[in-house]
Amino acid sequence: MRKYEVMYIIRPDVEQEAVQALVEKFQGIIQNGGEITKHDVMGKRRLAYEINKIRDGIYVLVNFTATPEVVAELERILKISDEVIRYLITKDVA
């Protein structure tokens, strides 16, 4: 198992309960073959640049260890989620 880091940005117009449900959904995907080491919902912040006329977003950062299959499934789900504006999954080298 390798160490990974994922950061995803949720649209700011999503209600708090829906944000919590999304976060739990993504955590469940990771924990289905991996282990979360750090999880941080950073809250609403201004984006560096406008994406589809959206200026703010709810940032979530997760550090985890998992197999490449779990990462592929997480990426697939993030890609098709309408509430997620952007995401980035990287291998943690440290």
PDB file of N, CA and C in Angstrom:
ATOM      1  N   MET A   1       0.843  -1.180   0.000  1.00  0.00           N
ATOM      2  CA  MET A   1       0.000   0.000   0.000  1.00  0.00           C
ATOM      3  C   MET A   1       0.885   1.240   0.000  1.00  0.00           C
ATOM      4  N   ARG A   2       0.444   2.242  -0.749  1.00  0.00           N
ATOM      5  CA  ARG A   2       1.197   3.481  -0.869  1.00  0.00           C
ATOM      6  C   ARG A   2       0.467   4.614  -0.160  1.00  0.00           C
ATOM      7  N   LYS A   3       1.221   5.679   0.112  1.00  0.00           N
ATOM      8  CA  LYS A   3       0.636   6.871   0.720  1.00  0.00           C
ATOM      9  C   LYS A   3       0.159   7.808  -0.380  1.00  0.00           C
ATOM     10  N   TYR A   4      -1.035   8.362  -0.190  1.00  0.00           N
ATOM     11  CA  TYR A   4      -1.622   9.284  -1.151  1.00  0.00           C
ATOM     12  C   TYR A   4      -2.188  10.491  -0.418  1.00  0.00           C
ATOM     13  N   GLU A   5      -2.426  11.538  -1.205  1.00  0.00           N
ATOM     14  CA  GLU A   5      -3.088  12.729  -0.702  1.00  0.00           C
ATOM     15  C   GLU A   5      -4.107  13.154  -1.753  1.00  0.00           C
ATOM     16  N   VAL A   6      -5.319  13.430  -1.323  1.00  0.00           N
ATOM     17  CA  VAL A   6      -6.342  13.924  -2.246  1.00  0.00           C
ATOM     18  C   VAL A   6      -6.886  15.233  -1.694  1.00  0.00           C
ATOM     19  N   MET A   7      -7.017  16.210  -2.569  1.00  0.00           N
ATOM     20  CA  MET A   7      -7.701  17.451  -2.232  1.00  0.00           C
ATOM     21  C   MET A   7      -8.806  17.637  -3.255  1.00  0.00           C
ATOM     22  N   TYR A   8      -9.997  17.881  -2.753  1.00  0.00           N
ATOM     23  CA  TYR A   8     -11.101  18.155  -3.661  1.00  0.00           C
ATOM     24  C   TYR A   8     -11.859  19.385  -3.175  1.00  0.00           C
ATOM     25  N   ILE A   9     -12.484  20.072  -4.135  1.00  0.00           N
ATOM     26  CA  ILE A   9     -13.202  21.310  -3.865  1.00  0.00           C
ATOM     27  C   ILE A   9     -14.670  21.086  -4.209  1.00  0.00           C
ATOM     28  N   ILE A  10     -15.521  21.338  -3.228  1.00  0.00           N
ATOM     29  CA  ILE A  10     -16.957  21.158  -3.388  1.00  0.00           C
ATOM     30  C   ILE A  10     -17.588  22.524  -3.680  1.00  0.00           C
ATOM     31  N   ARG A  11     -18.603  22.542  -4.527  1.00  0.00           N
ATOM     32  CA  ARG A  11     -19.298  23.795  -4.848  1.00  0.00           C
ATOM     33  C   ARG A  11     -19.787  24.481  -3.569  1.00  0.00           C
ATOM     34  N   PRO A  12     -19.735  25.820  -3.503  1.00  0.00           N
ATOM     35  CA  PRO A  12     -20.120  26.523  -2.274  1.00  0.00           C
ATOM     36  C   PRO A  12     -21.625  26.541  -2.010  1.00  0.00           C
ATOM     37  N   ASP A  13     -22.466  26.274  -3.016  1.00  0.00           N
ATOM     38  CA  ASP A  13     -23.907  26.317  -2.813  1.00  0.00           C
ATOM     39  C   ASP A  13     -24.480  25.009  -2.274  1.00  0.00           C
ATOM     40  N   VAL A  14     -23.633  24.020  -2.026  1.00  0.00           N
ATOM     41  CA  VAL A  14     -24.072  22.741  -1.465  1.00  0.00           C
ATOM     42  C   VAL A  14     -24.296  22.927   0.040  1.00  0.00           C
ATOM     43  N   GLU A  15     -25.420  22.429   0.550  1.00  0.00           N
ATOM     44  CA  GLU A  15     -25.750  22.589   1.966  1.00  0.00           C
ATOM     45  C   GLU A  15     -24.812  21.760   2.843  1.00  0.00           C
ATOM     46  N   GLN A  16     -24.719  22.147   4.111  1.00  0.00           N
ATOM     47  CA  GLN A  16     -23.772  21.522   5.043  1.00  0.00           C
ATOM     48  C   GLN A  16     -24.021  20.019   5.197  1.00  0.00           C
ATOM     49  N   GLU A  17     -25.289  19.609   5.238  1.00  0.00           N
ATOM     50  CA  GLU A  17     -25.602  18.180   5.381  1.00  0.00           C
ATOM     51  C   GLU A  17     -25.132  17.403   4.156  1.00  0.00           C
ATOM     52  N   ALA A  18     -25.298  18.005   2.975  1.00  0.00           N
ATOM     53  CA  ALA A  18     -24.867  17.347   1.743  1.00  0.00           C
ATOM     54  C   ALA A  18     -23.349  17.277   1.669  1.00  0.00           C
ATOM     55  N   VAL A  19     -22.672  18.313   2.171  1.00  0.00           N
ATOM     56  CA  VAL A  19     -21.203  18.299   2.213  1.00  0.00           C
ATOM     57  C   VAL A  19     -20.735  17.160   3.107  1.00  0.00           C
ATOM     58  N   GLN A  20     -21.361  17.021   4.276  1.00  0.00           N
ATOM     59  CA  GLN A  20     -20.989  15.948   5.205  1.00  0.00           C
ATOM     60  C   GLN A  20     -21.248  14.582   4.580  1.00  0.00           C
ATOM     61  N   ALA A  21     -22.347  14.437   3.854  1.00  0.00           N
ATOM     62  CA  ALA A  21     -22.661  13.168   3.192  1.00  0.00           C
ATOM     63  C   ALA A  21     -21.629  12.848   2.115  1.00  0.00           C
ATOM     64  N   LEU A  22     -21.209  13.862   1.346  1.00  0.00           N
ATOM     65  CA  LEU A  22     -20.179  13.656   0.322  1.00  0.00           C
ATOM     66  C   LEU A  22     -18.862  13.223   0.941  1.00  0.00           C
ATOM     67  N   VAL A  23     -18.459  13.914   2.019  1.00  0.00           N
ATOM     68  CA  VAL A  23     -17.206  13.593   2.691  1.00  0.00           C
ATOM     69  C   VAL A  23     -17.234  12.156   3.203  1.00  0.00           C
ATOM     70  N   GLU A  24     -18.353  11.745   3.800  1.00  0.00           N
ATOM     71  CA  GLU A  24     -18.480  10.376   4.312  1.00  0.00           C
ATOM     72  C   GLU A  24     -18.465   9.361   3.169  1.00  0.00           C
ATOM     73  N   LYS A  25     -19.063   9.718   2.042  1.00  0.00           N
ATOM     74  CA  LYS A  25     -19.066   8.830   0.874  1.00  0.00           C
ATOM     75  C   LYS A  25     -17.641   8.578   0.379  1.00  0.00           C
ATOM     76  N   PHE A  26     -16.863   9.659   0.253  1.00  0.00           N
ATOM     77  CA  PHE A  26     -15.483   9.517  -0.211  1.00  0.00           C
ATOM     78  C   PHE A  26     -14.621   8.794   0.818  1.00  0.00           C
ATOM     79  N   GLN A  27     -14.872   9.038   2.104  1.00  0.00           N
ATOM     80  CA  GLN A  27     -14.145   8.309   3.148  1.00  0.00           C
ATOM     81  C   GLN A  27     -14.453   6.821   3.079  1.00  0.00           C
ATOM     82  N   GLY A  28     -15.695   6.471   2.817  1.00  0.00           N
ATOM     83  CA  GLY A  28     -16.080   5.063   2.710  1.00  0.00           C
ATOM     84  C   GLY A  28     -15.371   4.376   1.558  1.00  0.00           C
ATOM     85  N   ILE A  29     -15.217   5.082   0.447  1.00  0.00           N
ATOM     86  CA  ILE A  29     -14.504   4.514  -0.700  1.00  0.00           C
ATOM     87  C   ILE A  29     -13.050   4.243  -0.336  1.00  0.00           C
ATOM     88  N   ILE A  30     -12.430   5.207   0.344  1.00  0.00           N
ATOM     89  CA  ILE A  30     -11.022   5.048   0.735  1.00  0.00           C
ATOM     90  C   ILE A  30     -10.869   3.911   1.746  1.00  0.00           C
ATOM     91  N   GLN A  31     -11.773   3.834   2.716  1.00  0.00           N
ATOM     92  CA  GLN A  31     -11.654   2.825   3.770  1.00  0.00           C
ATOM     93  C   GLN A  31     -12.022   1.423   3.292  1.00  0.00           C
ATOM     94  N   ASN A  32     -12.537   1.300   2.071  1.00  0.00           N
ATOM     95  CA  ASN A  32     -12.848   0.000   1.498  1.00  0.00           C
ATOM     96  C   ASN A  32     -11.594  -0.591   0.856  1.00  0.00           C
ATOM     97  N   GLY A  33     -10.518  -0.667   1.600  1.00  0.00           N
ATOM     98  CA  GLY A  33      -9.255  -1.194   1.087  1.00  0.00           C
ATOM     99  C   GLY A  33      -8.087  -0.290   1.405  1.00  0.00           C
ATOM    100  N   GLY A  34      -8.318   0.746   2.178  1.00  0.00           N
ATOM    101  CA  GLY A  34      -7.256   1.675   2.552  1.00  0.00           C
ATOM    102  C   GLY A  34      -7.470   2.175   3.969  1.00  0.00           C
ATOM    103  N   GLU A  35      -6.629   3.124   4.377  1.00  0.00           N
ATOM    104  CA  GLU A  35      -6.722   3.654   5.731  1.00  0.00           C
ATOM    105  C   GLU A  35      -6.457   5.156   5.689  1.00  0.00           C
ATOM    106  N   ILE A  36      -7.352   5.932   6.290  1.00  0.00           N
ATOM    107  CA  ILE A  36      -7.193   7.386   6.333  1.00  0.00           C
ATOM    108  C   ILE A  36      -6.282   7.735   7.506  1.00  0.00           C
ATOM    109  N   THR A  37      -5.218   8.503   7.216  1.00  0.00           N
ATOM    110  CA  THR A  37      -4.305   8.931   8.275  1.00  0.00           C
ATOM    111  C   THR A  37      -4.602  10.342   8.756  1.00  0.00           C
ATOM    112  N   LYS A  38      -5.099  11.201   7.869  1.00  0.00           N
ATOM    113  CA  LYS A  38      -5.440  12.575   8.247  1.00  0.00           C
ATOM    114  C   LYS A  38      -6.589  13.041   7.372  1.00  0.00           C
ATOM    115  N   HIS A  39      -7.539  13.737   7.998  1.00  0.00           N
ATOM    116  CA  HIS A  39      -8.696  14.243   7.269  1.00  0.00           C
ATOM    117  C   HIS A  39      -8.975  15.659   7.746  1.00  0.00           C
ATOM    118  N   ASP A  40      -9.114  16.601   6.821  1.00  0.00           N
ATOM    119  CA  ASP A  40      -9.302  17.995   7.199  1.00  0.00           C
ATOM    120  C   ASP A  40     -10.271  18.672   6.235  1.00  0.00           C
ATOM    121  N   VAL A  41     -11.429  19.096   6.766  1.00  0.00           N
ATOM    122  CA  VAL A  41     -12.350  19.916   5.980  1.00  0.00           C
ATOM    123  C   VAL A  41     -11.939  21.361   6.257  1.00  0.00           C
ATOM    124  N   MET A  42     -11.326  21.991   5.276  1.00  0.00           N
ATOM    125  CA  MET A  42     -10.741  23.311   5.469  1.00  0.00           C
ATOM    126  C   MET A  42     -11.769  24.436   5.395  1.00  0.00           C
ATOM    127  N   GLY A  43     -12.955  24.144   4.927  1.00  0.00           N
ATOM    128  CA  GLY A  43     -14.016  25.136   4.880  1.00  0.00           C
ATOM    129  C   GLY A  43     -14.043  25.909   3.578  1.00  0.00           C
ATOM    130  N   LYS A  44     -14.881  26.945   3.552  1.00  0.00           N
ATOM    131  CA  LYS A  44     -15.069  27.733   2.336  1.00  0.00           C
ATOM    132  C   LYS A  44     -13.919  28.720   2.174  1.00  0.00           C
ATOM    133  N   ARG A  45     -13.321  28.712   0.990  1.00  0.00           N
ATOM    134  CA  ARG A  45     -12.216  29.607   0.663  1.00  0.00           C
ATOM    135  C   ARG A  45     -12.379  30.111  -0.761  1.00  0.00           C
ATOM    136  N   ARG A  46     -11.717  31.213  -1.047  1.00  0.00           N
ATOM    137  CA  ARG A  46     -11.729  31.780  -2.393  1.00  0.00           C
ATOM    138  C   ARG A  46     -10.812  30.955  -3.282  1.00  0.00           C
ATOM    139  N   LEU A  47     -11.285  30.671  -4.497  1.00  0.00           N
ATOM    140  CA  LEU A  47     -10.478  29.941  -5.475  1.00  0.00           C
ATOM    141  C   LEU A  47      -9.398  30.858  -6.049  1.00  0.00           C
ATOM    142  N   ALA A  48      -8.328  30.286  -6.530  1.00  0.00           N
ATOM    143  CA  ALA A  48      -7.258  31.068  -7.145  1.00  0.00           C
ATOM    144  C   ALA A  48      -7.740  31.714  -8.440  1.00  0.00           C
ATOM    145  N   TYR A  49      -8.637  31.034  -9.142  1.00  0.00           N
ATOM    146  CA  TYR A  49      -9.223  31.577 -10.363  1.00  0.00           C
ATOM    147  C   TYR A  49     -10.652  31.051 -10.481  1.00  0.00           C
ATOM    148  N   GLU A  50     -11.464  31.751 -11.220  1.00  0.00           N
ATOM    149  CA  GLU A  50     -12.859  31.402 -11.379  1.00  0.00           C
ATOM    150  C   GLU A  50     -13.012  30.133 -12.227  1.00  0.00           C
ATOM    151  N   ILE A  51     -13.855  29.218 -11.766  1.00  0.00           N
ATOM    152  CA  ILE A  51     -14.125  27.974 -12.493  1.00  0.00           C
ATOM    153  C   ILE A  51     -15.626  27.927 -12.762  1.00  0.00           C
ATOM    154  N   ASN A  52     -16.016  27.981 -14.033  1.00  0.00           N
ATOM    155  CA  ASN A  52     -17.433  27.944 -14.416  1.00  0.00           C
ATOM    156  C   ASN A  52     -18.256  28.976 -13.645  1.00  0.00           C
ATOM    157  N   LYS A  53     -17.741  30.193 -13.540  1.00  0.00           N
ATOM    158  CA  LYS A  53     -18.379  31.328 -12.854  1.00  0.00           C
ATOM    159  C   LYS A  53     -18.536  31.102 -11.356  1.00  0.00           C
ATOM    160  N   ILE A  54     -17.742  30.194 -10.779  1.00  0.00           N
ATOM    161  CA  ILE A  54     -17.753  29.953  -9.336  1.00  0.00           C
ATOM    162  C   ILE A  54     -16.459  30.527  -8.767  1.00  0.00           C
ATOM    163  N   ARG A  55     -16.587  31.356  -7.718  1.00  0.00           N
ATOM    164  CA  ARG A  55     -15.419  32.026  -7.143  1.00  0.00           C
ATOM    165  C   ARG A  55     -14.944  31.395  -5.831  1.00  0.00           C
ATOM    166  N   ASP A  56     -15.832  30.695  -5.101  1.00  0.00           N
ATOM    167  CA  ASP A  56     -15.490  30.098  -3.809  1.00  0.00           C
ATOM    168  C   ASP A  56     -15.695  28.594  -3.876  1.00  0.00           C
ATOM    169  N   GLY A  57     -15.133  27.894  -2.901  1.00  0.00           N
ATOM    170  CA  GLY A  57     -15.326  26.454  -2.819  1.00  0.00           C
ATOM    171  C   GLY A  57     -15.016  25.946  -1.422  1.00  0.00           C
ATOM    172  N   ILE A  58     -15.530  24.775  -1.103  1.00  0.00           N
ATOM    173  CA  ILE A  58     -15.276  24.133   0.185  1.00  0.00           C
ATOM    174  C   ILE A  58     -14.161  23.127  -0.033  1.00  0.00           C
ATOM    175  N   TYR A  59     -13.013  23.374   0.587  1.00  0.00           N
ATOM    176  CA  TYR A  59     -11.827  22.555   0.394  1.00  0.00           C
ATOM    177  C   TYR A  59     -11.801  21.408   1.395  1.00  0.00           C
ATOM    178  N   VAL A  60     -11.422  20.214   0.906  1.00  0.00           N
ATOM    179  CA  VAL A  60     -11.271  19.037   1.765  1.00  0.00           C
ATOM    180  C   VAL A  60      -9.943  18.382   1.411  1.00  0.00           C
ATOM    181  N   LEU A  61      -9.122  18.097   2.439  1.00  0.00           N
ATOM    182  CA  LEU A  61      -7.813  17.478   2.262  1.00  0.00           C
ATOM    183  C   LEU A  61      -7.782  16.166   3.031  1.00  0.00           C
ATOM    184  N   VAL A  62      -7.377  15.083   2.354  1.00  0.00           N
ATOM    185  CA  VAL A  62      -7.324  13.761   2.989  1.00  0.00           C
ATOM    186  C   VAL A  62      -5.986  13.103   2.661  1.00  0.00           C
ATOM    187  N   ASN A  63      -5.278  12.651   3.689  1.00  0.00           N
ATOM    188  CA  ASN A  63      -4.077  11.829   3.523  1.00  0.00           C
ATOM    189  C   ASN A  63      -4.468  10.398   3.860  1.00  0.00           C
ATOM    190  N   PHE A  64      -4.032   9.457   3.022  1.00  0.00           N
ATOM    191  CA  PHE A  64      -4.434   8.068   3.247  1.00  0.00           C
ATOM    192  C   PHE A  64      -3.423   7.115   2.629  1.00  0.00           C
ATOM    193  N   THR A  65      -3.497   5.857   3.040  1.00  0.00           N
ATOM    194  CA  THR A  65      -2.726   4.785   2.417  1.00  0.00           C
ATOM    195  C   THR A  65      -3.721   3.830   1.784  1.00  0.00           C
ATOM    196  N   ALA A  66      -3.400   3.395   0.564  1.00  0.00           N
ATOM    197  CA  ALA A  66      -4.333   2.511  -0.142  1.00  0.00           C
ATOM    198  C   ALA A  66      -3.629   1.829  -1.296  1.00  0.00           C
ATOM    199  N   THR A  67      -4.342   0.903  -1.911  1.00  0.00           N
ATOM    200  CA  THR A  67      -3.849   0.234  -3.102  1.00  0.00           C
ATOM    201  C   THR A  67      -4.221   1.076  -4.324  1.00  0.00           C
ATOM    202  N   PRO A  68      -3.545   0.882  -5.439  1.00  0.00           N
ATOM    203  CA  PRO A  68      -3.885   1.634  -6.657  1.00  0.00           C
ATOM    204  C   PRO A  68      -5.328   1.417  -7.131  1.00  0.00           C
ATOM    205  N   GLU A  69      -5.913   0.265  -6.845  1.00  0.00           N
ATOM    206  CA  GLU A  69      -7.284   0.004  -7.246  1.00  0.00           C
ATOM    207  C   GLU A  69      -8.263   0.926  -6.510  1.00  0.00           C
ATOM    208  N   VAL A  70      -8.008   1.159  -5.207  1.00  0.00           N
ATOM    209  CA  VAL A  70      -8.858   2.054  -4.416  1.00  0.00           C
ATOM    210  C   VAL A  70      -8.748   3.477  -4.956  1.00  0.00           C
ATOM    211  N   VAL A  71      -7.535   3.885  -5.312  1.00  0.00           N
ATOM    212  CA  VAL A  71      -7.319   5.228  -5.849  1.00  0.00           C
ATOM    213  C   VAL A  71      -8.040   5.388  -7.187  1.00  0.00           C
ATOM    214  N   ALA A  72      -8.012   4.373  -8.022  1.00  0.00           N
ATOM    215  CA  ALA A  72      -8.703   4.430  -9.310  1.00  0.00           C
ATOM    216  C   ALA A  72     -10.213   4.564  -9.111  1.00  0.00           C
ATOM    217  N   GLU A  73     -10.766   3.837  -8.152  1.00  0.00           N
ATOM    218  CA  GLU A  73     -12.200   3.920  -7.869  1.00  0.00           C
ATOM    219  C   GLU A  73     -12.563   5.297  -7.308  1.00  0.00           C
ATOM    220  N   LEU A  74     -11.724   5.829  -6.406  1.00  0.00           N
ATOM    221  CA  LEU A  74     -11.959   7.160  -5.849  1.00  0.00           C
ATOM    222  C   LEU A  74     -11.944   8.211  -6.949  1.00  0.00           C
ATOM    223  N   GLU A  75     -10.991   8.116  -7.853  1.00  0.00           N
ATOM    224  CA  GLU A  75     -10.906   9.071  -8.950  1.00  0.00           C
ATOM    225  C   GLU A  75     -12.131   8.976  -9.861  1.00  0.00           C
ATOM    226  N   ARG A  76     -12.605   7.779 -10.106  1.00  0.00           N
ATOM    227  CA  ARG A  76     -13.786   7.600 -10.944  1.00  0.00           C
ATOM    228  C   ARG A  76     -15.010   8.264 -10.317  1.00  0.00           C
ATOM    229  N   ILE A  77     -15.182   8.077  -9.016  1.00  0.00           N
ATOM    230  CA  ILE A  77     -16.333   8.659  -8.320  1.00  0.00           C
ATOM    231  C   ILE A  77     -16.210  10.181  -8.252  1.00  0.00           C
ATOM    232  N   LEU A  78     -15.009  10.692  -7.983  1.00  0.00           N
ATOM    233  CA  LEU A  78     -14.810  12.147  -7.941  1.00  0.00           C
ATOM    234  C   LEU A  78     -15.106  12.776  -9.300  1.00  0.00           C
ATOM    235  N   LYS A  79     -14.730  12.074 -10.353  1.00  0.00           N
ATOM    236  CA  LYS A  79     -14.909  12.601 -11.710  1.00  0.00           C
ATOM    237  C   LYS A  79     -16.384  12.753 -12.078  1.00  0.00           C
ATOM    238  N   ILE A  80     -17.242  11.850 -11.610  1.00  0.00           N
ATOM    239  CA  ILE A  80     -18.650  11.896 -11.989  1.00  0.00           C
ATOM    240  C   ILE A  80     -19.527  12.636 -10.981  1.00  0.00           C
ATOM    241  N   SER A  81     -18.949  13.108  -9.872  1.00  0.00           N
ATOM    242  CA  SER A  81     -19.728  13.840  -8.865  1.00  0.00           C
ATOM    243  C   SER A  81     -19.931  15.278  -9.319  1.00  0.00           C
ATOM    244  N   ASP A  82     -21.182  15.684  -9.430  1.00  0.00           N
ATOM    245  CA  ASP A  82     -21.501  17.036  -9.883  1.00  0.00           C
ATOM    246  C   ASP A  82     -21.134  18.091  -8.845  1.00  0.00           C
ATOM    247  N   GLU A  83     -21.103  17.714  -7.562  1.00  0.00           N
ATOM    248  CA  GLU A  83     -20.823  18.678  -6.506  1.00  0.00           C
ATOM    249  C   GLU A  83     -19.342  19.039  -6.422  1.00  0.00           C
ATOM    250  N   VAL A  84     -18.468  18.215  -7.000  1.00  0.00           N
ATOM    251  CA  VAL A  84     -17.024  18.444  -6.933  1.00  0.00           C
ATOM    252  C   VAL A  84     -16.592  19.280  -8.130  1.00  0.00           C
ATOM    253  N   ILE A  85     -15.968  20.440  -7.835  1.00  0.00           N
ATOM    254  CA  ILE A  85     -15.489  21.329  -8.900  1.00  0.00           C
ATOM    255  C   ILE A  85     -14.171  20.803  -9.458  1.00  0.00           C
ATOM    256  N   ARG A  86     -13.212  20.570  -8.572  1.00  0.00           N
ATOM    257  CA  ARG A  86     -11.882  20.089  -8.958  1.00  0.00           C
ATOM    258  C   ARG A  86     -11.383  19.103  -7.905  1.00  0.00           C
ATOM    259  N   TYR A  87     -10.475  18.221  -8.323  1.00  0.00           N
ATOM    260  CA  TYR A  87      -9.831  17.304  -7.388  1.00  0.00           C
ATOM    261  C   TYR A  87      -8.425  17.028  -7.879  1.00  0.00           C
ATOM    262  N   LEU A  88      -7.568  16.615  -6.954  1.00  0.00           N
ATOM    263  CA  LEU A  88      -6.208  16.247  -7.302  1.00  0.00           C
ATOM    264  C   LEU A  88      -5.751  15.146  -6.359  1.00  0.00           C
ATOM    265  N   ILE A  89      -5.318  14.010  -6.921  1.00  0.00           N
ATOM    266  CA  ILE A  89      -4.797  12.904  -6.134  1.00  0.00           C
ATOM    267  C   ILE A  89      -3.308  12.791  -6.449  1.00  0.00           C
ATOM    268  N   THR A  90      -2.485  12.828  -5.401  1.00  0.00           N
ATOM    269  CA  THR A  90      -1.032  12.719  -5.591  1.00  0.00           C
ATOM    270  C   THR A  90      -0.473  11.640  -4.674  1.00  0.00           C
ATOM    271  N   LYS A  91       0.644  11.051  -5.120  1.00  0.00           N
ATOM    272  CA  LYS A  91       1.373  10.122  -4.258  1.00  0.00           C
ATOM    273  C   LYS A  91       2.185  10.938  -3.279  1.00  0.00           C
ATOM    274  N   ASP A  92       2.138  10.564  -2.011  1.00  0.00           N
ATOM    275  CA  ASP A  92       2.879  11.269  -0.967  1.00  0.00           C
ATOM    276  C   ASP A  92       4.263  10.623  -0.875  1.00  0.00           C
ATOM    277  N   VAL A  93       5.298  11.391  -1.141  1.00  0.00           N
ATOM    278  CA  VAL A  93       6.655  10.835  -1.168  1.00  0.00           C
ATOM    279  C   VAL A  93       7.315  10.890   0.205  1.00  0.00           C
ATOM    280  N   ALA A  94       6.797  11.694   1.123  1.00  0.00           N
ATOM    281  CA  ALA A  94       7.410  11.836   2.433  1.00  0.00           C
ATOM    282  C   ALA A  94       6.997  10.724   3.364  1.00  0.00           C
TER     283      ALA A  94
END
